[in-house]
Amino acid sequence: MIQNSSDVLHRRSFWGAVIAIGVVLAWGWMSWNAVPNFKANDDALKTIDALFTAINSRDAIRVAMCQESLTKHASSGQLNPAAMTELSNCCDQARLGGWENAARRLYRMIETQ
């Protein structure tokens, strides 16, 4: 069957658009799932470990203490601001009752360091 050039052009444009959308979606998914690097000193890393323990034991008071300590580390430049934002999100999620999800999220951060 003989195809005219407009059909071929239409098909190529369609597949080009599908591939472009796929690339954009893959990039967005990878960016959304990206985990920030802690870039933290030893004291901040110990506090992150304590936060993990507090979240796993569902101890809201300890979570608040760890968050306060991490905020001090971040304000003194001992902890990456992007990591602090993610750690605060973990604390907030735990406080709202999402203990297991917060623990998984924090574990993923720790694991990728």
N, C-alpha and C. Protein backbone atom coordinates (compact mmCIF):
# COMPACT_ATOMS: atom_id res chain seq x y z
N MET A 1 0.84 -1.17 0.00
CA MET A 1 0.00 0.00 0.00
C MET A 1 0.89 1.24 0.00
N ILE A 2 0.58 2.17 -0.81
CA ILE A 2 1.35 3.39 -0.93
C ILE A 2 0.80 4.40 0.07
N GLN A 3 1.71 4.97 0.87
CA GLN A 3 1.31 5.97 1.87
C GLN A 3 1.70 7.35 1.36
N ASN A 4 0.82 8.30 1.62
CA ASN A 4 1.20 9.65 1.20
C ASN A 4 2.06 10.28 2.29
N SER A 5 2.76 11.32 1.95
CA SER A 5 3.74 11.93 2.87
C SER A 5 3.08 12.55 4.09
N SER A 6 1.84 13.00 4.00
CA SER A 6 1.19 13.60 5.16
C SER A 6 0.86 12.54 6.21
N ASP A 7 0.53 11.29 5.78
CA ASP A 7 0.29 10.21 6.74
C ASP A 7 1.58 9.85 7.48
N VAL A 8 2.68 9.77 6.76
CA VAL A 8 3.97 9.45 7.37
C VAL A 8 4.37 10.55 8.34
N LEU A 9 4.20 11.80 7.93
CA LEU A 9 4.54 12.93 8.79
C LEU A 9 3.67 12.94 10.04
N HIS A 10 2.39 12.65 9.89
CA HIS A 10 1.47 12.61 11.03
C HIS A 10 1.89 11.51 12.01
N ARG A 11 2.23 10.34 11.50
CA ARG A 11 2.63 9.22 12.34
C ARG A 11 3.93 9.54 13.08
N ARG A 12 4.90 10.14 12.38
CA ARG A 12 6.16 10.51 13.02
C ARG A 12 5.93 11.57 14.10
N SER A 13 5.07 12.52 13.84
CA SER A 13 4.76 13.57 14.82
C SER A 13 4.10 12.96 16.05
N PHE A 14 3.19 12.03 15.82
CA PHE A 14 2.52 11.37 16.93
C PHE A 14 3.52 10.65 17.81
N TRP A 15 4.38 9.83 17.21
CA TRP A 15 5.35 9.07 17.99
C TRP A 15 6.40 9.98 18.62
N GLY A 16 6.74 11.05 17.97
CA GLY A 16 7.66 12.03 18.57
C GLY A 16 7.06 12.65 19.82
N ALA A 17 5.76 12.97 19.75
CA ALA A 17 5.07 13.54 20.91
C ALA A 17 4.97 12.52 22.04
N VAL A 18 4.69 11.27 21.72
CA VAL A 18 4.61 10.21 22.74
C VAL A 18 5.95 10.05 23.44
N ILE A 19 7.03 10.04 22.67
CA ILE A 19 8.37 9.89 23.26
C ILE A 19 8.70 11.11 24.13
N ALA A 20 8.38 12.31 23.65
CA ALA A 20 8.65 13.53 24.42
C ALA A 20 7.89 13.52 25.74
N ILE A 21 6.63 13.13 25.70
CA ILE A 21 5.83 13.05 26.92
C ILE A 21 6.42 12.02 27.87
N GLY A 22 6.85 10.89 27.34
CA GLY A 22 7.47 9.86 28.17
C GLY A 22 8.74 10.35 28.85
N VAL A 23 9.55 11.09 28.12
CA VAL A 23 10.78 11.64 28.70
C VAL A 23 10.46 12.63 29.80
N VAL A 24 9.50 13.51 29.57
CA VAL A 24 9.11 14.50 30.58
C VAL A 24 8.55 13.82 31.81
N LEU A 25 7.73 12.80 31.64
CA LEU A 25 7.17 12.08 32.79
C LEU A 25 8.26 11.35 33.58
N ALA A 26 9.20 10.73 32.87
CA ALA A 26 10.31 10.04 33.55
C ALA A 26 11.16 11.03 34.33
N TRP A 27 11.45 12.18 33.73
CA TRP A 27 12.24 13.20 34.42
C TRP A 27 11.50 13.71 35.65
N GLY A 28 10.21 13.95 35.53
CA GLY A 28 9.41 14.41 36.65
C GLY A 28 9.36 13.40 37.77
N TRP A 29 9.21 12.14 37.42
CA TRP A 29 9.15 11.08 38.44
C TRP A 29 10.47 10.98 39.17
N MET A 30 11.58 11.05 38.43
CA MET A 30 12.90 10.96 39.07
C MET A 30 13.15 12.19 39.95
N SER A 31 12.73 13.35 39.51
CA SER A 31 12.90 14.57 40.31
C SER A 31 12.06 14.52 41.57
N TRP A 32 10.84 14.03 41.45
CA TRP A 32 9.94 13.95 42.59
C TRP A 32 10.44 12.96 43.63
N ASN A 33 11.06 11.87 43.17
CA ASN A 33 11.57 10.84 44.07
C ASN A 33 13.00 11.07 44.50
N ALA A 34 13.59 12.17 44.09
CA ALA A 34 14.97 12.45 44.45
C ALA A 34 15.08 12.68 45.96
N VAL A 35 16.15 12.18 46.53
CA VAL A 35 16.39 12.31 47.96
C VAL A 35 17.57 13.25 48.15
N PRO A 36 17.39 14.31 48.94
CA PRO A 36 18.50 15.24 49.13
C PRO A 36 19.63 14.63 49.95
N ASN A 37 20.84 15.07 49.67
CA ASN A 37 22.00 14.63 50.43
C ASN A 37 22.02 15.37 51.75
N PHE A 38 22.33 14.67 52.84
CA PHE A 38 22.32 15.30 54.15
C PHE A 38 23.39 16.38 54.27
N LYS A 39 24.60 16.10 53.79
CA LYS A 39 25.74 17.02 53.96
C LYS A 39 25.77 17.53 55.39
N ALA A 40 25.81 16.60 56.32
CA ALA A 40 25.70 16.93 57.74
C ALA A 40 26.95 16.50 58.49
N ASN A 41 27.17 17.14 59.64
CA ASN A 41 28.27 16.73 60.50
C ASN A 41 27.84 15.54 61.35
N ASP A 42 28.76 15.03 62.17
CA ASP A 42 28.47 13.83 62.97
C ASP A 42 27.32 14.03 63.95
N ASP A 43 27.26 15.22 64.58
CA ASP A 43 26.16 15.47 65.53
C ASP A 43 24.80 15.45 64.84
N ALA A 44 24.73 16.06 63.67
CA ALA A 44 23.47 16.07 62.93
C ALA A 44 23.10 14.66 62.50
N LEU A 45 24.08 13.87 62.09
CA LEU A 45 23.80 12.49 61.69
C LEU A 45 23.29 11.66 62.86
N LYS A 46 23.84 11.90 64.04
CA LYS A 46 23.35 11.21 65.24
C LYS A 46 21.91 11.60 65.54
N THR A 47 21.59 12.87 65.32
CA THR A 47 20.22 13.34 65.55
C THR A 47 19.26 12.71 64.54
N ILE A 48 19.71 12.56 63.29
CA ILE A 48 18.88 11.90 62.28
C ILE A 48 18.63 10.45 62.66
N ASP A 49 19.66 9.79 63.19
CA ASP A 49 19.49 8.42 63.68
C ASP A 49 18.49 8.38 64.84
N ALA A 50 18.60 9.34 65.74
CA ALA A 50 17.66 9.41 66.87
C ALA A 50 16.24 9.68 66.37
N LEU A 51 16.12 10.50 65.32
CA LEU A 51 14.80 10.76 64.74
C LEU A 51 14.19 9.48 64.18
N PHE A 52 15.01 8.69 63.52
CA PHE A 52 14.52 7.42 62.97
C PHE A 52 14.01 6.52 64.10
N THR A 53 14.77 6.47 65.19
CA THR A 53 14.35 5.66 66.34
C THR A 53 13.06 6.21 66.95
N ALA A 54 12.97 7.53 67.07
CA ALA A 54 11.76 8.15 67.64
C ALA A 54 10.54 7.88 66.78
N ILE A 55 10.71 7.97 65.47
CA ILE A 55 9.56 7.71 64.58
C ILE A 55 9.15 6.25 64.65
N ASN A 56 10.13 5.35 64.67
CA ASN A 56 9.78 3.93 64.75
C ASN A 56 9.14 3.55 66.07
N SER A 57 9.50 4.25 67.13
CA SER A 57 8.87 3.96 68.42
C SER A 57 7.62 4.81 68.67
N ARG A 58 7.27 5.63 67.67
CA ARG A 58 6.07 6.47 67.71
C ARG A 58 6.05 7.39 68.93
N ASP A 59 7.20 8.00 69.17
CA ASP A 59 7.38 8.89 70.32
C ASP A 59 7.35 10.34 69.83
N ALA A 60 6.18 10.97 69.93
CA ALA A 60 5.99 12.32 69.41
C ALA A 60 6.88 13.34 70.12
N ILE A 61 7.12 13.14 71.40
CA ILE A 61 7.96 14.09 72.15
C ILE A 61 9.40 14.04 71.64
N ARG A 62 9.91 12.84 71.43
CA ARG A 62 11.27 12.69 70.90
C ARG A 62 11.38 13.21 69.47
N VAL A 63 10.34 13.00 68.69
CA VAL A 63 10.33 13.53 67.31
C VAL A 63 10.46 15.05 67.35
N ALA A 64 9.70 15.69 68.23
CA ALA A 64 9.76 17.15 68.35
C ALA A 64 11.14 17.60 68.82
N MET A 65 11.74 16.87 69.76
CA MET A 65 13.09 17.22 70.23
C MET A 65 14.11 17.09 69.11
N CYS A 66 14.01 16.02 68.34
CA CYS A 66 14.92 15.81 67.22
C CYS A 66 14.75 16.90 66.17
N GLN A 67 13.51 17.25 65.88
CA GLN A 67 13.26 18.29 64.88
C GLN A 67 13.85 19.62 65.34
N GLU A 68 13.70 19.93 66.60
CA GLU A 68 14.27 21.16 67.14
C GLU A 68 15.80 21.15 67.03
N SER A 69 16.40 20.03 67.36
CA SER A 69 17.86 19.90 67.25
C SER A 69 18.32 20.01 65.79
N LEU A 70 17.59 19.38 64.90
CA LEU A 70 17.94 19.44 63.47
C LEU A 70 17.79 20.86 62.93
N THR A 71 16.80 21.58 63.42
CA THR A 71 16.63 22.97 63.00
C THR A 71 17.84 23.80 63.41
N LYS A 72 18.36 23.55 64.60
CA LYS A 72 19.57 24.25 65.05
C LYS A 72 20.76 23.89 64.17
N HIS A 73 20.88 22.61 63.83
CA HIS A 73 21.97 22.18 62.94
C HIS A 73 21.85 22.87 61.58
N ALA A 74 20.64 22.95 61.08
CA ALA A 74 20.42 23.57 59.76
C ALA A 74 20.73 25.06 59.80
N SER A 75 20.31 25.73 60.86
CA SER A 75 20.53 27.18 60.94
C SER A 75 22.01 27.52 61.13
N SER A 76 22.79 26.58 61.68
CA SER A 76 24.22 26.83 61.84
C SER A 76 25.02 26.32 60.63
N GLY A 77 24.32 25.82 59.61
CA GLY A 77 25.00 25.38 58.39
C GLY A 77 25.56 23.97 58.46
N GLN A 78 25.21 23.22 59.48
CA GLN A 78 25.72 21.85 59.64
C GLN A 78 24.84 20.81 58.96
N LEU A 79 23.74 21.26 58.36
CA LEU A 79 22.81 20.36 57.69
C LEU A 79 22.26 21.06 56.45
N ASN A 80 22.24 20.34 55.36
CA ASN A 80 21.75 20.85 54.09
C ASN A 80 20.29 21.32 54.23
N PRO A 81 19.95 22.53 53.77
CA PRO A 81 18.57 23.03 53.89
C PRO A 81 17.54 22.13 53.19
N ALA A 82 17.90 21.57 52.04
CA ALA A 82 16.96 20.68 51.34
C ALA A 82 16.69 19.43 52.18
N ALA A 83 17.73 18.91 52.82
CA ALA A 83 17.56 17.74 53.69
C ALA A 83 16.71 18.12 54.90
N MET A 84 16.93 19.31 55.43
CA MET A 84 16.14 19.75 56.58
C MET A 84 14.66 19.83 56.22
N THR A 85 14.37 20.32 55.05
CA THR A 85 12.97 20.38 54.60
C THR A 85 12.36 18.99 54.55
N GLU A 86 13.09 18.04 53.98
CA GLU A 86 12.59 16.67 53.89
C GLU A 86 12.45 16.04 55.27
N LEU A 87 13.42 16.28 56.16
CA LEU A 87 13.34 15.74 57.52
C LEU A 87 12.15 16.34 58.27
N SER A 88 11.91 17.63 58.08
CA SER A 88 10.74 18.27 58.71
C SER A 88 9.44 17.66 58.19
N ASN A 89 9.42 17.36 56.89
CA ASN A 89 8.24 16.71 56.32
C ASN A 89 8.01 15.34 56.95
N CYS A 90 9.08 14.61 57.21
CA CYS A 90 8.96 13.31 57.88
C CYS A 90 8.38 13.49 59.28
N CYS A 91 8.88 14.50 60.00
CA CYS A 91 8.39 14.77 61.36
C CYS A 91 6.91 15.13 61.33
N ASP A 92 6.53 16.00 60.41
CA ASP A 92 5.13 16.41 60.29
C ASP A 92 4.23 15.22 59.95
N GLN A 93 4.70 14.40 59.02
CA GLN A 93 3.91 13.23 58.63
C GLN A 93 3.72 12.29 59.82
N ALA A 94 4.77 12.09 60.61
CA ALA A 94 4.66 11.23 61.79
C ALA A 94 3.68 11.82 62.79
N ARG A 95 3.79 13.12 63.03
CA ARG A 95 2.90 13.77 64.00
C ARG A 95 1.43 13.69 63.60
N LEU A 96 1.20 13.64 62.28
CA LEU A 96 -0.18 13.55 61.79
C LEU A 96 -0.69 12.10 61.76
N GLY A 97 0.10 11.18 62.29
CA GLY A 97 -0.33 9.79 62.38
C GLY A 97 0.23 8.88 61.30
N GLY A 98 1.00 9.40 60.40
CA GLY A 98 1.59 8.58 59.33
C GLY A 98 2.95 8.04 59.73
N TRP A 99 3.00 7.38 60.88
CA TRP A 99 4.26 6.90 61.43
C TRP A 99 5.00 5.97 60.48
N GLU A 100 4.29 5.00 59.95
CA GLU A 100 4.94 4.02 59.07
C GLU A 100 5.47 4.66 57.78
N ASN A 101 4.67 5.52 57.18
CA ASN A 101 5.12 6.20 55.96
C ASN A 101 6.30 7.13 56.25
N ALA A 102 6.26 7.80 57.39
CA ALA A 102 7.37 8.68 57.77
C ALA A 102 8.64 7.86 57.98
N ALA A 103 8.49 6.70 58.62
CA ALA A 103 9.66 5.84 58.85
C ALA A 103 10.23 5.34 57.53
N ARG A 104 9.36 4.95 56.59
CA ARG A 104 9.83 4.49 55.28
C ARG A 104 10.54 5.62 54.53
N ARG A 105 9.93 6.78 54.59
CA ARG A 105 10.50 7.95 53.89
C ARG A 105 11.88 8.29 54.46
N LEU A 106 12.00 8.29 55.79
CA LEU A 106 13.28 8.60 56.42
C LEU A 106 14.30 7.49 56.16
N TYR A 107 13.85 6.25 56.19
CA TYR A 107 14.75 5.13 55.91
C TYR A 107 15.31 5.25 54.50
N ARG A 108 14.46 5.62 53.55
CA ARG A 108 14.91 5.79 52.16
C ARG A 108 15.98 6.88 52.07
N MET A 109 15.78 7.96 52.83
CA MET A 109 16.78 9.03 52.85
C MET A 109 18.10 8.53 53.42
N ILE A 110 18.03 7.81 54.52
CA ILE A 110 19.24 7.32 55.18
C ILE A 110 19.95 6.31 54.28
N GLU A 111 19.17 5.45 53.66
CA GLU A 111 19.73 4.38 52.82
C GLU A 111 20.50 4.94 51.61
N THR A 112 20.05 6.05 51.06
CA THR A 112 20.68 6.59 49.85
C THR A 112 21.90 7.45 50.14
N GLN A 113 22.21 7.66 51.40
CA GLN A 113 23.36 8.50 51.73
C GLN A 113 24.68 7.78 51.52
